[in-house]
């Protein structure tokens, strides 16, 4: 059984595997590449009004962020060890999608081999589901005065719509609904409809 824990401290990433510490130095270029990758993907969503996508739909957009490995002119030179450009691209995409999921910008409605991601802000079905949950539950005496707490809404969304909706994704949906005056925040964490 492999046990792993990661800790980040002053730019160093310490990983504990089965009792042994490994120290991995974060390179600034790797961190900035991930930031650039998430921004490229976000821009793509805005420009194309994307509501759903698969990783291969955005993978080519990140290709310019992968450094080209120089071609060796001499046949006797050994190739440099390390991940190939394709592996680097896949890893960069994986990290960027993880960050976008953590921020709630994308989510996977159903976890399956078919890696279909939904863009939270463009998912009309999720917007309707959240609005309907708030509308229905605010009719109940328990929520009539203060409205529904965000954790109640999240639980209901996970029961009725998708187990994979994160709190961050729900918060983005609630902000969007509030901007459109579909829901009203009655306090810091409670929402209702009129």
Protein backbone atom coordinates (compact mmCIF):
# COMPACT_ATOMS: atom_id res chain seq x y z
CA UNK A 1 0.00 0.00 0.00
CA UNK A 2 1.44 3.35 -1.06
CA UNK A 3 0.69 6.25 1.23
CA UNK A 4 1.28 9.75 -0.11
CA UNK A 5 0.98 13.23 1.37
CA UNK A 6 2.12 16.52 -0.19
CA UNK A 7 3.13 19.69 1.64
CA UNK A 8 4.13 22.97 0.02
CA UNK A 9 6.39 25.30 1.99
CA UNK A 10 8.36 28.30 0.65
CA UNK A 11 8.34 27.15 -2.97
CA UNK A 12 9.33 23.58 -2.15
CA UNK A 13 7.02 20.65 -2.45
CA UNK A 14 7.63 17.91 0.06
CA UNK A 15 6.08 14.55 -0.62
CA UNK A 16 5.85 11.80 1.96
CA UNK A 17 5.62 8.29 0.55
CA UNK A 18 5.65 5.37 2.97
CA UNK A 19 7.65 7.32 5.55
CA UNK A 20 10.24 8.86 3.17
CA UNK A 21 10.38 12.58 2.35
CA UNK A 22 11.08 13.64 -1.20
CA UNK A 23 11.72 17.31 -1.98
CA UNK A 24 10.74 18.62 -5.38
CA UNK A 25 11.54 22.21 -6.32
CA UNK A 26 8.74 23.99 -8.16
CA UNK A 27 10.06 25.71 -11.22
CA UNK A 28 8.59 29.12 -11.84
CA UNK A 29 8.08 28.25 -15.49
CA UNK A 30 5.92 25.23 -14.58
CA UNK A 31 3.73 27.29 -12.25
CA UNK A 32 3.37 30.10 -14.79
CA UNK A 33 2.62 27.58 -17.56
CA UNK A 34 -0.27 26.19 -15.53
CA UNK A 35 -1.59 29.73 -14.95
CA UNK A 36 -1.27 30.53 -18.64
CA UNK A 37 -2.97 27.24 -19.54
CA UNK A 38 -5.98 27.96 -17.31
CA UNK A 39 -6.26 31.47 -18.79
CA UNK A 40 -6.10 30.11 -22.35
CA UNK A 41 -8.85 27.61 -21.60
CA UNK A 42 -11.01 30.28 -19.87
CA UNK A 43 -10.60 32.60 -22.87
CA UNK A 44 -11.60 29.75 -25.17
CA UNK A 45 -14.78 29.21 -23.13
CA UNK A 46 -15.69 32.89 -23.38
CA UNK A 47 -14.89 33.30 -27.07
CA UNK A 48 -16.69 30.16 -28.21
CA UNK A 49 -19.49 30.09 -25.59
CA UNK A 50 -18.56 26.50 -24.80
CA UNK A 51 -20.98 24.63 -22.55
CA UNK A 52 -19.40 21.16 -22.74
CA UNK A 53 -16.03 19.87 -23.87
CA UNK A 54 -13.65 16.98 -23.72
CA UNK A 55 -9.94 17.38 -22.89
CA UNK A 56 -8.89 16.73 -26.49
CA UNK A 57 -11.02 19.73 -27.55
CA UNK A 58 -8.70 22.13 -25.69
CA UNK A 59 -5.44 20.19 -25.69
CA UNK A 60 -4.09 21.77 -28.90
CA UNK A 61 -4.62 25.26 -27.47
CA UNK A 62 -1.92 24.51 -24.88
CA UNK A 63 0.67 23.26 -27.38
CA UNK A 64 2.53 26.63 -27.55
CA UNK A 65 3.20 26.41 -23.80
CA UNK A 66 5.26 23.23 -24.14
CA UNK A 67 8.94 23.97 -24.77
CA UNK A 68 10.35 22.44 -27.92
CA UNK A 69 13.14 19.98 -27.32
CA UNK A 70 16.11 20.81 -29.55
CA UNK A 71 16.90 18.33 -32.28
CA UNK A 72 20.33 16.81 -31.79
CA UNK A 73 22.54 17.20 -34.83
CA UNK A 74 24.98 14.52 -33.82
CA UNK A 75 23.81 10.93 -33.96
CA UNK A 76 26.08 9.88 -31.09
CA UNK A 77 24.45 12.27 -28.60
CA UNK A 78 22.03 10.55 -26.29
CA UNK A 79 18.56 12.02 -25.99
CA UNK A 80 17.83 13.96 -22.83
CA UNK A 81 15.89 11.94 -20.28
CA UNK A 82 12.54 13.28 -19.19
CA UNK A 83 8.92 13.39 -20.21
CA UNK A 84 8.13 13.75 -23.89
CA UNK A 85 6.36 16.84 -25.23
CA UNK A 86 3.15 14.82 -25.50
CA UNK A 87 3.42 13.71 -21.87
CA UNK A 88 4.14 17.28 -20.79
CA UNK A 89 1.09 18.50 -22.72
CA UNK A 90 -1.17 15.90 -21.13
CA UNK A 91 0.18 16.70 -17.66
CA UNK A 92 -0.28 20.45 -18.21
CA UNK A 93 -3.84 19.88 -19.39
CA UNK A 94 -4.56 17.63 -16.40
CA UNK A 95 -3.23 20.26 -13.96
CA UNK A 96 -5.13 23.09 -15.68
CA UNK A 97 -8.40 21.12 -15.60
CA UNK A 98 -7.84 20.32 -11.92
CA UNK A 99 -7.43 24.03 -11.14
CA UNK A 100 -10.53 24.90 -13.17
CA UNK A 101 -12.49 22.25 -11.27
CA UNK A 102 -11.21 23.53 -7.92
CA UNK A 103 -12.32 27.05 -8.92
CA UNK A 104 -15.74 25.71 -9.92
CA UNK A 105 -15.40 26.87 -13.52
CA UNK A 106 -15.84 23.35 -14.86
CA UNK A 107 -17.20 20.11 -13.46
CA UNK A 108 -17.91 16.60 -14.65
CA UNK A 109 -21.59 15.81 -14.34
CA UNK A 110 -20.93 12.08 -14.46
CA UNK A 111 -17.56 10.55 -13.69
CA UNK A 112 -16.94 7.98 -16.38
CA UNK A 113 -14.31 7.03 -18.93
CA UNK A 114 -15.86 9.60 -21.25
CA UNK A 115 -14.24 12.72 -19.82
CA UNK A 116 -17.01 15.18 -20.57
CA UNK A 117 -16.64 18.45 -18.71
CA UNK A 118 -19.38 21.05 -18.30
CA UNK A 119 -18.63 24.77 -18.14
CA UNK A 120 -20.49 25.89 -15.02
CA UNK A 121 -21.47 29.36 -16.24
CA UNK A 122 -22.85 27.99 -19.53
CA UNK A 123 -24.71 24.99 -18.09
CA UNK A 124 -28.33 26.09 -18.39
CA UNK A 125 -29.60 22.81 -16.91
CA UNK A 126 -27.59 23.39 -13.74
CA UNK A 127 -28.85 26.99 -13.50
CA UNK A 128 -32.44 25.80 -13.84
CA UNK A 129 -31.92 22.96 -11.34
CA UNK A 130 -30.49 25.32 -8.69
CA UNK A 131 -33.26 27.88 -9.23
CA UNK A 132 -35.94 25.17 -9.01
CA UNK A 133 -34.43 23.75 -5.81
CA UNK A 134 -34.43 27.17 -4.16
CA UNK A 135 -37.96 27.94 -5.39
CA UNK A 136 -39.37 24.61 -4.15
CA UNK A 137 -37.57 24.56 -0.82
CA UNK A 138 -38.33 28.19 0.05
CA UNK A 139 -42.02 27.22 0.04
CA UNK A 140 -41.31 24.99 3.05
CA UNK A 141 -41.83 26.65 6.42
CA UNK A 142 -38.25 25.92 7.49
CA UNK A 143 -36.79 28.06 4.67
CA UNK A 144 -39.58 30.57 4.11
CA UNK A 145 -38.11 33.39 6.19
CA UNK A 146 -34.31 33.15 5.80
CA UNK A 147 -34.09 31.22 2.56
CA UNK A 148 -32.02 28.14 1.82
CA UNK A 149 -28.49 27.82 3.15
CA UNK A 150 -25.81 27.18 0.53
CA UNK A 151 -24.95 23.78 2.05
CA UNK A 152 -28.61 22.74 1.83
CA UNK A 153 -28.70 23.83 -1.81
CA UNK A 154 -25.46 21.95 -2.50
CA UNK A 155 -26.82 18.80 -0.91
CA UNK A 156 -30.03 19.05 -2.92
CA UNK A 157 -28.14 19.68 -6.17
CA UNK A 158 -25.98 16.64 -5.51
CA UNK A 159 -29.05 14.50 -4.80
CA UNK A 160 -31.19 15.70 -7.70
CA UNK A 161 -28.73 16.78 -10.39
CA UNK A 162 -25.13 15.58 -10.06
CA UNK A 163 -22.96 14.27 -7.24
CA UNK A 164 -19.96 16.02 -8.79
CA UNK A 165 -21.04 19.65 -8.44
CA UNK A 166 -18.58 21.36 -6.10
CA UNK A 167 -19.32 24.17 -3.70
CA UNK A 168 -17.20 26.50 -5.85
CA UNK A 169 -19.31 25.62 -8.92
CA UNK A 170 -22.51 26.19 -6.96
CA UNK A 171 -21.25 29.58 -5.76
CA UNK A 172 -20.62 30.61 -9.39
CA UNK A 173 -24.15 29.50 -10.33
CA UNK A 174 -25.65 31.42 -7.40
CA UNK A 175 -23.72 34.58 -8.37
CA UNK A 176 -25.00 34.26 -11.92
CA UNK A 177 -28.58 33.74 -10.75
CA UNK A 178 -28.24 36.69 -8.38
CA UNK A 179 -26.89 38.94 -11.14
CA UNK A 180 -29.91 38.03 -13.26
CA UNK A 181 -32.24 38.68 -10.29
CA UNK A 182 -33.43 35.07 -10.38
CA UNK A 183 -32.45 34.57 -6.73
CA UNK A 184 -31.72 36.94 -3.86
CA UNK A 185 -29.14 36.54 -1.13
CA UNK A 186 -30.88 37.12 2.20
CA UNK A 187 -27.65 36.81 4.17
CA UNK A 188 -24.10 35.71 3.57
CA UNK A 189 -25.03 32.09 2.86
CA UNK A 190 -28.83 32.04 2.37
CA UNK A 191 -30.76 32.42 -0.88
CA UNK A 192 -34.40 32.80 -1.78
CA UNK A 193 -36.63 33.61 -4.77
CA UNK A 194 -39.58 35.96 -5.02
